[in-house]
Every structure is written in C-alpha cells, then in structure tokens.
C-alpha atoms as a PDB file:
ATOM      1  CA  MET A   1      19.167   2.660  -9.164  1.00  0.00           C
ATOM      2  CA  THR A   2      22.556   1.203  -8.942  1.00  0.00           C
ATOM      3  CA  ILE A   3      23.530  -0.673  -5.483  1.00  0.00           C
ATOM      4  CA  GLU A   4      27.359   0.117  -5.273  1.00  0.00           C
ATOM      5  CA  VAL A   5      28.894  -3.305  -3.632  1.00  0.00           C
ATOM      6  CA  ASP A   6      31.224  -2.421  -0.667  1.00  0.00           C
ATOM      7  CA  ILE A   7      34.730  -2.519  -1.780  1.00  0.00           C
ATOM      8  CA  VAL A   8      36.304  -4.000   1.291  1.00  0.00           C
ATOM      9  CA  SER A   9      34.015  -6.936   0.946  1.00  0.00           C
ATOM     10  CA  ARG A  10      34.943  -7.542  -2.455  1.00  0.00           C
ATOM     11  CA  ILE A  11      38.480  -7.555  -2.002  1.00  0.00           C
ATOM     12  CA  THR A  12      38.130 -10.170   0.934  1.00  0.00           C
ATOM     13  CA  GLU A  13      35.786 -12.289  -1.515  1.00  0.00           C
ATOM     14  CA  CYS A  14      38.533 -11.973  -4.467  1.00  0.00           C
ATOM     15  CA  PHE A  15      41.470 -12.486  -2.334  1.00  0.00           C
ATOM     16  CA  PRO A  16      42.050 -16.283  -2.858  1.00  0.00           C
ATOM     17  CA  GLN A  17      41.702 -15.877  -6.718  1.00  0.00           C
ATOM     18  CA  LEU A  18      44.284 -12.925  -6.998  1.00  0.00           C
ATOM     19  CA  ARG A  19      47.916 -13.148  -8.142  1.00  0.00           C
ATOM     20  CA  GLU A  20      50.482 -13.181  -5.477  1.00  0.00           C
ATOM     21  CA  ALA A  21      51.620  -9.785  -6.606  1.00  0.00           C
ATOM     22  CA  GLU A  22      47.802  -8.647  -6.770  1.00  0.00           C
ATOM     23  CA  LYS A  23      47.528 -10.072  -2.854  1.00  0.00           C
ATOM     24  CA  LYS A  24      50.274  -7.688  -1.901  1.00  0.00           C
ATOM     25  CA  VAL A  25      48.206  -4.676  -3.236  1.00  0.00           C
ATOM     26  CA  ALA A  26      44.983  -5.916  -1.309  1.00  0.00           C
ATOM     27  CA  ARG A  27      46.838  -6.049   2.002  1.00  0.00           C
ATOM     28  CA  LEU A  28      48.238  -2.542   1.301  1.00  0.00           C
ATOM     29  CA  VAL A  29      45.155  -1.505   0.315  1.00  0.00           C
ATOM     30  CA  VAL A  30      43.218  -3.209   3.193  1.00  0.00           C
ATOM     31  CA  ASP A  31      45.685  -2.340   5.925  1.00  0.00           C
ATOM     32  CA  ASP A  32      45.067   1.685   4.784  1.00  0.00           C
ATOM     33  CA  LEU A  33      41.944   2.456   3.270  1.00  0.00           C
ATOM     34  CA  SER A  34      42.870   6.169   3.862  1.00  0.00           C
ATOM     35  CA  ASN A  35      45.939   6.029   2.179  1.00  0.00           C
ATOM     36  CA  ALA A  36      44.989   3.890  -0.818  1.00  0.00           C
ATOM     37  CA  ALA A  37      42.280   6.467  -1.544  1.00  0.00           C
ATOM     38  CA  THR A  38      44.630   9.305  -1.925  1.00  0.00           C
ATOM     39  CA  ALA A  39      47.987   7.716  -2.740  1.00  0.00           C
ATOM     40  CA  SER A  40      48.985   8.104  -6.597  1.00  0.00           C
ATOM     41  CA  ILE A  41      49.286   4.647  -8.728  1.00  0.00           C
ATOM     42  CA  THR A  42      52.935   5.330  -8.558  1.00  0.00           C
ATOM     43  CA  ALA A  43      53.233   5.361  -4.921  1.00  0.00           C
ATOM     44  CA  LEU A  44      50.808   2.474  -4.199  1.00  0.00           C
ATOM     45  CA  ALA A  45      53.131   0.314  -6.474  1.00  0.00           C
ATOM     46  CA  GLU A  46      56.362   1.327  -4.759  1.00  0.00           C
ATOM     47  CA  GLU A  47      54.623   0.523  -1.396  1.00  0.00           C
ATOM     48  CA  ALA A  48      53.451  -2.841  -2.592  1.00  0.00           C
ATOM     49  CA  GLY A  49      56.581  -3.628  -4.248  1.00  0.00           C
ATOM     50  CA  VAL A  50      54.910  -4.157  -7.512  1.00  0.00           C
ATOM     51  CA  SER A  51      54.719  -2.374 -11.020  1.00  0.00           C
ATOM     52  CA  GLU A  52      52.012   0.203 -11.973  1.00  0.00           C
ATOM     53  CA  ALA A  53      50.503  -2.490 -14.528  1.00  0.00           C
ATOM     54  CA  THR A  54      49.751  -4.489 -11.052  1.00  0.00           C
ATOM     55  CA  ILE A  55      47.667  -2.035  -9.273  1.00  0.00           C
ATOM     56  CA  THR A  56      45.835  -1.704 -12.825  1.00  0.00           C
ATOM     57  CA  ARG A  57      45.230  -5.290 -12.837  1.00  0.00           C
ATOM     58  CA  PHE A  58      44.211  -5.590  -9.372  1.00  0.00           C
ATOM     59  CA  ALA A  59      41.396  -3.050  -9.606  1.00  0.00           C
ATOM     60  CA  LYS A  60      39.823  -4.850 -12.622  1.00  0.00           C
ATOM     61  CA  ALA A  61      40.246  -7.986 -10.464  1.00  0.00           C
ATOM     62  CA  VAL A  62      37.846  -6.551  -7.519  1.00  0.00           C
ATOM     63  CA  GLY A  63      35.625  -5.526 -10.171  1.00  0.00           C
ATOM     64  CA  CYS A  64      36.494  -1.821 -10.789  1.00  0.00           C
ATOM     65  CA  ARG A  65      36.667  -0.030 -13.810  1.00  0.00           C
ATOM     66  CA  ASN A  66      40.145   1.480 -13.680  1.00  0.00           C
ATOM     67  CA  VAL A  67      42.303   2.533 -10.653  1.00  0.00           C
ATOM     68  CA  ARG A  68      40.479   5.923 -10.513  1.00  0.00           C
ATOM     69  CA  ASP A  69      37.169   3.737  -9.923  1.00  0.00           C
ATOM     70  CA  LEU A  70      38.762   1.666  -7.194  1.00  0.00           C
ATOM     71  CA  LYS A  71      39.942   4.988  -5.129  1.00  0.00           C
ATOM     72  CA  MET A  72      36.433   6.518  -5.342  1.00  0.00           C
ATOM     73  CA  LYS A  73      35.022   3.112  -3.905  1.00  0.00           C
ATOM     74  CA  LEU A  74      37.659   2.904  -1.391  1.00  0.00           C
ATOM     75  CA  ALA A  75      36.614   6.577  -0.581  1.00  0.00           C
ATOM     76  CA  GLN A  76      32.870   5.532  -0.111  1.00  0.00           C
ATOM     77  CA  SER A  77      33.853   2.843   2.160  1.00  0.00           C
ATOM     78  CA  LEU A  78      35.874   5.103   4.338  1.00  0.00           C
ATOM     79  CA  ALA A  79      32.904   7.709   4.543  1.00  0.00           C
ATOM     80  CA  VAL A  80      30.655   4.811   6.772  1.00  0.00           C
ATOM     81  CA  GLY A  81      33.535   5.069   9.346  1.00  0.00           C
ATOM     82  CA  GLN A  82      36.321   3.305  10.183  1.00  0.00           C
ATOM     83  CA  ARG A  83      34.601   1.542  12.858  1.00  0.00           C
ATOM     84  CA  PHE A  84      32.742  -0.848  10.242  1.00  0.00           C
ATOM     85  CA  ILE A  85      36.236  -1.622   8.889  1.00  0.00           C
ATOM     86  CA  HIS A  86      38.678  -1.935  11.640  1.00  0.00           C
ATOM     87  CA  GLU A  87      37.765  -4.009  14.719  1.00  0.00           C
ATOM     88  CA  SER A  88      37.921  -1.860  18.035  1.00  0.00           C
ATOM     89  CA  PRO A  89      38.734  -2.954  21.417  1.00  0.00           C
ATOM     90  CA  ASN A  90      36.238  -5.823  22.962  1.00  0.00           C
ATOM     91  CA  GLU A  91      33.518  -3.990  24.780  1.00  0.00           C
ATOM     92  CA  SER A  92      31.359  -7.135  24.826  1.00  0.00           C
ATOM     93  CA  GLY A  93      30.161  -9.167  28.024  1.00  0.00           C
ATOM     94  CA  ILE A  94      27.175  -8.881  30.000  1.00  0.00           C
ATOM     95  CA  GLN A  95      28.439  -6.110  32.075  1.00  0.00           C
ATOM     96  CA  GLY A  96      29.551  -4.270  28.950  1.00  0.00           C
ATOM     97  CA  VAL A  97      25.946  -4.491  27.151  1.00  0.00           C
ATOM     98  CA  TYR A  98      24.459  -3.226  30.599  1.00  0.00           C
ATOM     99  CA  GLU A  99      26.849  -0.600  30.976  1.00  0.00           C
ATOM    100  CA  SER A 100      26.112   0.780  27.745  1.00  0.00           C
ATOM    101  CA  ILE A 101      22.207   0.679  28.309  1.00  0.00           C
ATOM    102  CA  LYS A 102      22.607   2.378  31.562  1.00  0.00           C
ATOM    103  CA  ASN A 103      24.932   5.320  30.027  1.00  0.00           C
ATOM    104  CA  VAL A 104      22.649   6.212  26.878  1.00  0.00           C
ATOM    105  CA  ILE A 105      19.617   6.377  29.329  1.00  0.00           C
ATOM    106  CA  ASN A 106      21.855   8.842  31.800  1.00  0.00           C
ATOM    107  CA  ILE A 107      22.577  10.968  28.906  1.00  0.00           C
ATOM    108  CA  ASN A 108      19.140  11.386  27.836  1.00  0.00           C
ATOM    109  CA  ARG A 109      17.367  11.751  31.085  1.00  0.00           C
ATOM    110  CA  LYS A 110      19.242  14.733  31.406  1.00  0.00           C
ATOM    111  CA  ILE A 111      18.166  16.379  28.361  1.00  0.00           C
ATOM    112  CA  VAL A 112      14.238  15.788  28.690  1.00  0.00           C
ATOM    113  CA  ASN A 113      12.383  19.096  29.061  1.00  0.00           C
ATOM    114  CA  GLU A 114       9.629  18.900  31.233  1.00  0.00           C
ATOM    115  CA  ALA A 115       8.113  21.547  29.229  1.00  0.00           C
ATOM    116  CA  ASP A 116       7.847  19.884  26.053  1.00  0.00           C
ATOM    117  CA  VAL A 117       6.672  16.707  27.415  1.00  0.00           C
ATOM    118  CA  ALA A 118       3.703  18.568  29.190  1.00  0.00           C
ATOM    119  CA  LYS A 119       3.142  20.287  25.679  1.00  0.00           C
ATOM    120  CA  ALA A 120       3.026  16.865  24.031  1.00  0.00           C
ATOM    121  CA  VAL A 121       0.453  15.559  26.857  1.00  0.00           C
ATOM    122  CA  ASP A 122      -1.790  18.500  26.279  1.00  0.00           C
ATOM    123  CA  ILE A 123      -1.570  18.076  22.455  1.00  0.00           C
ATOM    124  CA  LEU A 124      -2.560  13.973  22.817  1.00  0.00           C
ATOM    125  CA  LEU A 125      -5.187  14.582  25.782  1.00  0.00           C
ATOM    126  CA  ASN A 126      -6.988  16.671  23.073  1.00  0.00           C
ATOM    127  CA  ALA A 127      -6.665  13.951  19.829  1.00  0.00           C
ATOM    128  CA  ARG A 128      -9.334  12.031  18.314  1.00  0.00           C
ATOM    129  CA  GLN A 129      -6.707   9.338  17.461  1.00  0.00           C
ATOM    130  CA  VAL A 130      -3.064   9.184  17.774  1.00  0.00           C
ATOM    131  CA  LEU A 131      -0.912   7.900  14.489  1.00  0.00           C
ATOM    132  CA  SER A 132       2.153   6.402  15.602  1.00  0.00           C
ATOM    133  CA  VAL A 133       4.598   6.287  13.154  1.00  0.00           C
ATOM    134  CA  GLY A 134       8.205   4.477  12.960  1.00  0.00           C
ATOM    135  CA  MET A 135      10.473   2.666  10.492  1.00  0.00           C
ATOM    136  CA  GLY A 136      13.521   0.515  10.673  1.00  0.00           C
ATOM    137  CA  GLY A 137      14.324  -1.824  13.501  1.00  0.00           C
ATOM    138  CA  GLY A 138      14.150  -0.105  16.701  1.00  0.00           C
ATOM    139  CA  SER A 139      11.794   2.453  15.471  1.00  0.00           C
ATOM    140  CA  THR A 140       9.287   0.127  14.369  1.00  0.00           C
ATOM    141  CA  ILE A 141       9.085  -1.761  17.423  1.00  0.00           C
ATOM    142  CA  MET A 142       8.993   1.578  19.283  1.00  0.00           C
ATOM    143  CA  SER A 143       6.249   2.509  17.548  1.00  0.00           C
ATOM    144  CA  GLN A 144       4.504  -0.490  18.462  1.00  0.00           C
ATOM    145  CA  GLU A 145       5.302  -0.055  22.135  1.00  0.00           C
ATOM    146  CA  LEU A 146       3.768   3.551  22.156  1.00  0.00           C
ATOM    147  CA  GLN A 147       0.505   1.754  21.042  1.00  0.00           C
ATOM    148  CA  PHE A 148       0.385  -0.733  23.820  1.00  0.00           C
ATOM    149  CA  ARG A 149       1.057   1.681  26.376  1.00  0.00           C
ATOM    150  CA  LEU A 150      -1.579   4.185  25.219  1.00  0.00           C
ATOM    151  CA  PHE A 151      -4.757   1.922  24.325  1.00  0.00           C
ATOM    152  CA  ARG A 152      -4.303   0.598  27.988  1.00  0.00           C
ATOM    153  CA  ILE A 153      -5.383   4.147  29.015  1.00  0.00           C
ATOM    154  CA  GLY A 154      -8.113   4.706  26.783  1.00  0.00           C
ATOM    155  CA  PHE A 155      -6.474   6.388  23.964  1.00  0.00           C
ATOM    156  CA  ALA A 156      -7.356   5.597  20.389  1.00  0.00           C
ATOM    157  CA  VAL A 157      -4.098   4.853  18.715  1.00  0.00           C
ATOM    158  CA  SER A 158      -2.679   2.818  16.013  1.00  0.00           C
ATOM    159  CA  ALA A 159       0.719   2.355  15.009  1.00  0.00           C
ATOM    160  CA  TYR A 160       2.091   2.403  11.267  1.00  0.00           C
ATOM    161  CA  ASN A 161       5.593   0.743   9.814  1.00  0.00           C
ATOM    162  CA  ASP A 162       5.049   0.934   6.362  1.00  0.00           C
ATOM    163  CA  GLY A 163       6.045   3.822   4.327  1.00  0.00           C
ATOM    164  CA  LEU A 164       3.661   4.109   1.670  1.00  0.00           C
ATOM    165  CA  LEU A 165       0.919   3.004   4.355  1.00  0.00           C
ATOM    166  CA  ALA A 166       2.017   5.951   6.766  1.00  0.00           C
ATOM    167  CA  ARG A 167       1.885   8.250   3.765  1.00  0.00           C
ATOM    168  CA  MET A 168      -1.706   7.294   2.784  1.00  0.00           C
ATOM    169  CA  VAL A 169      -3.047   7.549   6.660  1.00  0.00           C
ATOM    170  CA  ALA A 170      -1.242  11.359   6.601  1.00  0.00           C
ATOM    171  CA  SER A 171      -2.926  12.456   4.130  1.00  0.00           C
ATOM    172  CA  THR A 172      -6.422  11.070   4.931  1.00  0.00           C
ATOM    173  CA  ALA A 173      -6.076  11.865   8.606  1.00  0.00           C
ATOM    174  CA  ASP A 174      -8.444  14.685  10.722  1.00  0.00           C
ATOM    175  CA  SER A 175      -6.644  17.846  11.587  1.00  0.00           C
ATOM    176  CA  LYS A 176      -7.609  16.708  15.481  1.00  0.00           C
ATOM    177  CA  ASP A 177      -5.584  13.668  15.094  1.00  0.00           C
ATOM    178  CA  VAL A 178      -1.986  13.705  16.162  1.00  0.00           C
ATOM    179  CA  MET A 179       0.849  11.974  14.660  1.00  0.00           C
ATOM    180  CA  VAL A 180       3.873  10.786  17.062  1.00  0.00           C
ATOM    181  CA  ALA A 181       6.714  10.164  14.810  1.00  0.00           C
ATOM    182  CA  LEU A 182       9.732   8.320  16.079  1.00  0.00           C
ATOM    183  CA  SER A 183      13.290   8.001  14.555  1.00  0.00           C
ATOM    184  CA  VAL A 184      16.695   8.279  16.455  1.00  0.00           C
ATOM    185  CA  THR A 185      18.621   9.866  13.738  1.00  0.00           C
ATOM    186  CA  GLY A 186      15.521  11.915  12.236  1.00  0.00           C
ATOM    187  CA  TYR A 187      16.654  11.386   8.692  1.00  0.00           C
ATOM    188  CA  THR A 188      14.309   8.450   7.719  1.00  0.00           C
ATOM    189  CA  ALA A 189      12.348   9.681   4.573  1.00  0.00           C
ATOM    190  CA  GLU A 190       9.532   7.131   5.360  1.00  0.00           C
ATOM    191  CA  VAL A 191       9.127   9.040   8.648  1.00  0.00           C
ATOM    192  CA  VAL A 192       9.913  12.350   7.696  1.00  0.00           C
ATOM    193  CA  GLU A 193       7.623  12.804   4.683  1.00  0.00           C
ATOM    194  CA  PRO A 194       4.527  11.490   6.445  1.00  0.00           C
ATOM    195  CA  ALA A 195       5.332  13.805   9.095  1.00  0.00           C
ATOM    196  CA  SER A 196       5.272  16.562   6.598  1.00  0.00           C
ATOM    197  CA  ILE A 197       2.135  15.568   4.990  1.00  0.00           C
ATOM    198  CA  ALA A 198       0.655  15.333   8.126  1.00  0.00           C
ATOM    199  CA  LYS A 199       1.045  18.696   9.000  1.00  0.00           C
ATOM    200  CA  GLN A 200       0.106  20.166   5.525  1.00  0.00           C
ATOM    201  CA  TYR A 201      -3.281  18.700   6.325  1.00  0.00           C
ATOM    202  CA  GLY A 202      -3.618  20.330   9.746  1.00  0.00           C
ATOM    203  CA  LEU A 203      -2.364  17.636  12.122  1.00  0.00           C
ATOM    204  CA  LYS A 204      -0.247  18.233  15.274  1.00  0.00           C
ATOM    205  CA  VAL A 205       3.465  16.317  15.050  1.00  0.00           C
ATOM    206  CA  ILE A 206       5.160  14.940  17.797  1.00  0.00           C
ATOM    207  CA  ALA A 207       8.520  13.589  17.234  1.00  0.00           C
ATOM    208  CA  MET A 208      10.818  11.495  19.439  1.00  0.00           C
ATOM    209  CA  THR A 209      14.095  12.264  17.563  1.00  0.00           C
ATOM    210  CA  ALA A 210      17.404  13.806  17.093  1.00  0.00           C
ATOM    211  CA  PRO A 211      17.491  17.757  17.961  1.00  0.00           C
ATOM    212  CA  ASP A 212      17.692  19.935  14.748  1.00  0.00           C
ATOM    213  CA  SER A 213      16.855  16.714  12.204  1.00  0.00           C
ATOM    214  CA  PRO A 214      15.003  17.033   9.300  1.00  0.00           C
ATOM    215  CA  LEU A 215      12.177  15.713  11.259  1.00  0.00           C
ATOM    216  CA  ALA A 216      12.502  17.601  14.394  1.00  0.00           C
ATOM    217  CA  GLN A 217      12.469  21.081  11.857  1.00  0.00           C
ATOM    218  CA  VAL A 218       8.791  19.647  10.607  1.00  0.00           C
ATOM    219  CA  SER A 219       7.503  18.953  14.152  1.00  0.00           C
ATOM    220  CA  ASP A 220       5.237  20.951  16.562  1.00  0.00           C
ATOM    221  CA  VAL A 221       7.021  19.272  19.650  1.00  0.00           C
ATOM    222  CA  VAL A 222      10.430  17.429  19.709  1.00  0.00           C
ATOM    223  CA  LEU A 223      10.852  15.098  22.748  1.00  0.00           C
ATOM    224  CA  PRO A 224      14.897  15.134  22.011  1.00  0.00           C
ATOM    225  CA  LEU A 225      16.996  11.783  21.797  1.00  0.00           C
ATOM    226  CA  VAL A 226      20.775  11.664  21.912  1.00  0.00           C
ATOM    227  CA  THR A 227      22.819   8.403  20.758  1.00  0.00           C
ATOM    228  CA  ASP A 228      25.917   7.440  22.304  1.00  0.00           C
ATOM    229  CA  GLU A 229      27.356   4.966  19.899  1.00  0.00           C
ATOM    230  CA  THR A 230      31.219   3.420  20.336  1.00  0.00           C
ATOM    231  CA  ASP A 231      33.395   1.869  17.789  1.00  0.00           C
ATOM    232  CA  PHE A 232      32.228  -1.462  19.171  1.00  0.00           C
ATOM    233  CA  ILE A 233      29.912  -2.476  16.225  1.00  0.00           C
ATOM    234  CA  PHE A 234      28.779  -6.134  17.135  1.00  0.00           C
ATOM    235  CA  LYS A 235      26.786  -5.036  20.350  1.00  0.00           C
ATOM    236  CA  PRO A 236      23.091  -3.809  19.273  1.00  0.00           C
ATOM    237  CA  SER A 237      22.302   0.235  19.484  1.00  0.00           C
ATOM    238  CA  ALA A 238      21.485   1.075  23.042  1.00  0.00           C
ATOM    239  CA  SER A 239      19.615   3.971  21.316  1.00  0.00           C
ATOM    240  CA  ARG A 240      15.993   2.318  21.323  1.00  0.00           C
ATOM    241  CA  TYR A 241      16.423   2.095  25.317  1.00  0.00           C
ATOM    242  CA  ALA A 242      16.402   5.836  25.286  1.00  0.00           C
ATOM    243  CA  MET A 243      13.439   6.030  23.069  1.00  0.00           C
ATOM    244  CA  MET A 244      11.804   3.507  25.209  1.00  0.00           C
ATOM    245  CA  ALA A 245      12.357   5.573  28.180  1.00  0.00           C
ATOM    246  CA  LEU A 246      10.881   8.572  26.764  1.00  0.00           C
ATOM    247  CA  ILE A 247       7.750   6.573  25.482  1.00  0.00           C
ATOM    248  CA  ASP A 248       7.481   5.609  29.709  1.00  0.00           C
ATOM    249  CA  VAL A 249       7.728   9.168  30.638  1.00  0.00           C
ATOM    250  CA  LEU A 250       5.176  10.330  28.258  1.00  0.00           C
ATOM    251  CA  SER A 251       2.500   7.651  28.953  1.00  0.00           C
ATOM    252  CA  THR A 252       2.905   8.051  32.629  1.00  0.00           C
ATOM    253  CA  GLU A 253       2.563  11.753  32.219  1.00  0.00           C
ATOM    254  CA  LEU A 254      -0.774  10.836  30.168  1.00  0.00           C
ATOM    255  CA  ALA A 255      -2.129   8.603  32.508  1.00  0.00           C
ATOM    256  CA  LEU A 256      -1.754  10.913  35.674  1.00  0.00           C
ATOM    257  CA  SER A 257      -2.878  13.750  33.863  1.00  0.00           C
ATOM    258  CA  GLN A 258      -6.286  11.549  33.876  1.00  0.00           C
ATOM    259  CA  LYS A 259      -6.455   9.351  37.061  1.00  0.00           C
ATOM    260  CA  ARG A 260      -9.839   8.166  37.114  1.00  0.00           C
ATOM    261  CA  ARG A 261      -9.974   7.270  33.464  1.00  0.00           C
ATOM    262  CA  SER A 262      -6.777   5.736  33.481  1.00  0.00           C
ATOM    263  CA  ARG A 263      -7.112   3.640  36.882  1.00  0.00           C
ATOM    264  CA  ASP A 264     -10.978   2.699  35.244  1.00  0.00           C
ATOM    265  CA  ARG A 265      -9.196   1.300  32.088  1.00  0.00           C
ATOM    266  CA  LEU A 266      -6.432  -0.676  34.111  1.00  0.00           C
ATOM    267  CA  ARG A 267      -8.674  -2.182  36.416  1.00  0.00           C
ATOM    268  CA  ARG A 268     -10.891  -3.458  33.704  1.00  0.00           C
ATOM    269  CA  LEU A 269      -7.396  -4.646  31.932  1.00  0.00           C
ATOM    270  CA  LYS A 270      -5.985  -6.502  35.119  1.00  0.00           C
ATOM    271  CA  LEU A 271      -9.617  -7.999  35.565  1.00  0.00           C
ATOM    272  CA  ALA A 272      -9.509  -9.689  32.185  1.00  0.00           C
ATOM    273  CA  LEU A 273      -6.126 -10.846  32.044  1.00  0.00           C
ATOM    274  CA  ASP A 274      -6.793 -12.468  35.766  1.00  0.00           C
ATOM    275  CA  ASN A 275      -9.638 -14.254  34.454  1.00  0.00           C
ATOM    276  CA  HIS A 276      -7.455 -15.401  31.878  1.00  0.00           C
ATOM    277  CA  ARG A 277      -4.401 -16.834  33.135  1.00  0.00           C
ATOM    278  CA  GLY A 278      -4.546 -16.810  37.072  1.00  0.00           C
ATOM    279  CA  GLY A 279      -1.777 -15.855  39.140  1.00  0.00           C
ATOM    280  CA  GLY A 280      -0.329 -13.203  41.573  1.00  0.00           C
ATOM    281  CA  ASP A 281      -1.710  -9.764  42.077  1.00  0.00           C
ATOM    282  CA  ARG A 282       1.855  -8.544  41.204  1.00  0.00           C
ATOM    283  CA  GLN A 283       1.944  -9.267  37.593  1.00  0.00           C
ATOM    284  CA  PRO A 284       2.705  -7.016  34.604  1.00  0.00           C
ATOM    285  CA  LEU A 285      -0.678  -5.782  33.250  1.00  0.00           C
ATOM    286  CA  GLY A 286      -0.205  -8.159  29.760  1.00  0.00           C
ATOM    287  CA  ASP A 287       3.656  -7.360  29.240  1.00  0.00           C
END
C-alpha cells in the first residue's frame, strides 16, 4: 500500500531549498489550493509571473512526477477540508473549551430516543456477557468507560480495542452475548467488521454511533451520536463527551432496572474502597 505524503506539508518543507522563481509558485499554490488544483499550467505561470517550465520544475522539486501529479495531490489535500489548511478564527481559551462541550451535549440530549434506550437496556439485561468494542482515540477510552460503568452493577463485561482481537472474539462469542460497538463516525472498519461478524453468529449488536452509518446499518439498536465539529482544529473534539453522556444514560437505566442487585454491588464496592483508602462518605466509587 502506498502512503501519500501531504503535498502542503511537502511544499512547506521544501520551500527554503526552492529557487526564487519556484518560491513564487509555492506561495501562489499554498495561498489558493483550489485555484492551483484546477488552473492550467499557462494560467499558473501567468499568475505567478514565471515561465511554464518553472511550474514543471516546481512540481518535480516538491516530489511530484509532473504538473498533473501535483494537481492531483492538491485536490487530495483539498478533500480533507480547508480547516486543516488555513487557520480559522481563534476559539480557544478556557471558556471556549467548556462551551463546545456544553453545545455538543445539548445537541445530543435532544436526539436521545427513550424507546431505543429501553430496548438496549432490555437486551443487556438478558446478556450472558457484554463485549464493548471501540477503536481509535475517543472510542477506545469510551469502550473502557462502558466496562468500568457496567461491572460495578454486576455485569460481565470486557472491552476490546484491537481490531483483530475484536474479530476473533466476535467469531467465538455465544449467541446470548451482546456486543456494544462504539464509533463516533460509524465508518471505522475495525468496529464495523466485528459487529457484522457478531451478527452472523446470532449476537445482538447495540451501537453508539452516527445514524445511517455503516455501523448503524448492521446494528439491532442504534443510540445516535451527532458531532458538532468546527473549523478550529486545535481543540480536541468534544464528540467523546456526547458518547460518555450516552454511556451514563445507559448505565443509569440499567442500574435502576435492577435496583436491589445494583445497590448490593455498589455497597460492596464502597466498603472495599473505604477499607483501602479511607476518606469521606461522598467520594466517587473508584473514579
């Protein structure tokens, strides 16, 4: 498999070594990628005030076979979105971070479907064990978070964050097991494929993911997630907070559905922690 090098980064890296005429082309290209990706070699030469031969030399200087190859790589860079190329207005600062988290949670609280949550709760209550699957940064952590929430109230649950291992587990699981698949986008193959395998062997699949995504399409119950990504790319995505809130909703409903068992497990957990660490009565249960 050939890994394409980002052409914008390559131009920036090569810039100090370029000839003066080639630097003019570099500035023209980086300032307007869209135009550079579509304009003819003649038009680019006229705009930069250089010869057409300079355009060709520039393309080769930044690692492209020819001008056509350069234009193709520029189009690929544009496909990732302008927010990763040109800096947007600053949305940083302490309050900006908190506001983005609050906004994404408010958006997602409006789309929570109580009937779907109830259906997921019913499926999990009858599960022999729960397989929590998530890959990547946020979903890996959230799959582990689901494990941490559910074992406290008496569920047999394991988190899987390796694509190959998840496939293996899905192919050997019992039809009485339940897979909870977590993916903000719903397009991560390492999550979608284990979910599909699990379905083939009779498992119920609950997905926390984007509606109408590939993962959603192979799931029995979809607890939807909507992202609210801005053009300010430097702040971590707030989407994981929406997933965490959904996990809290699900685990709370599960605990309430079997209060006696949940209370017993939580009391035992509190006793074990107090004997170990001491402290006040209102400390979190192991968080």
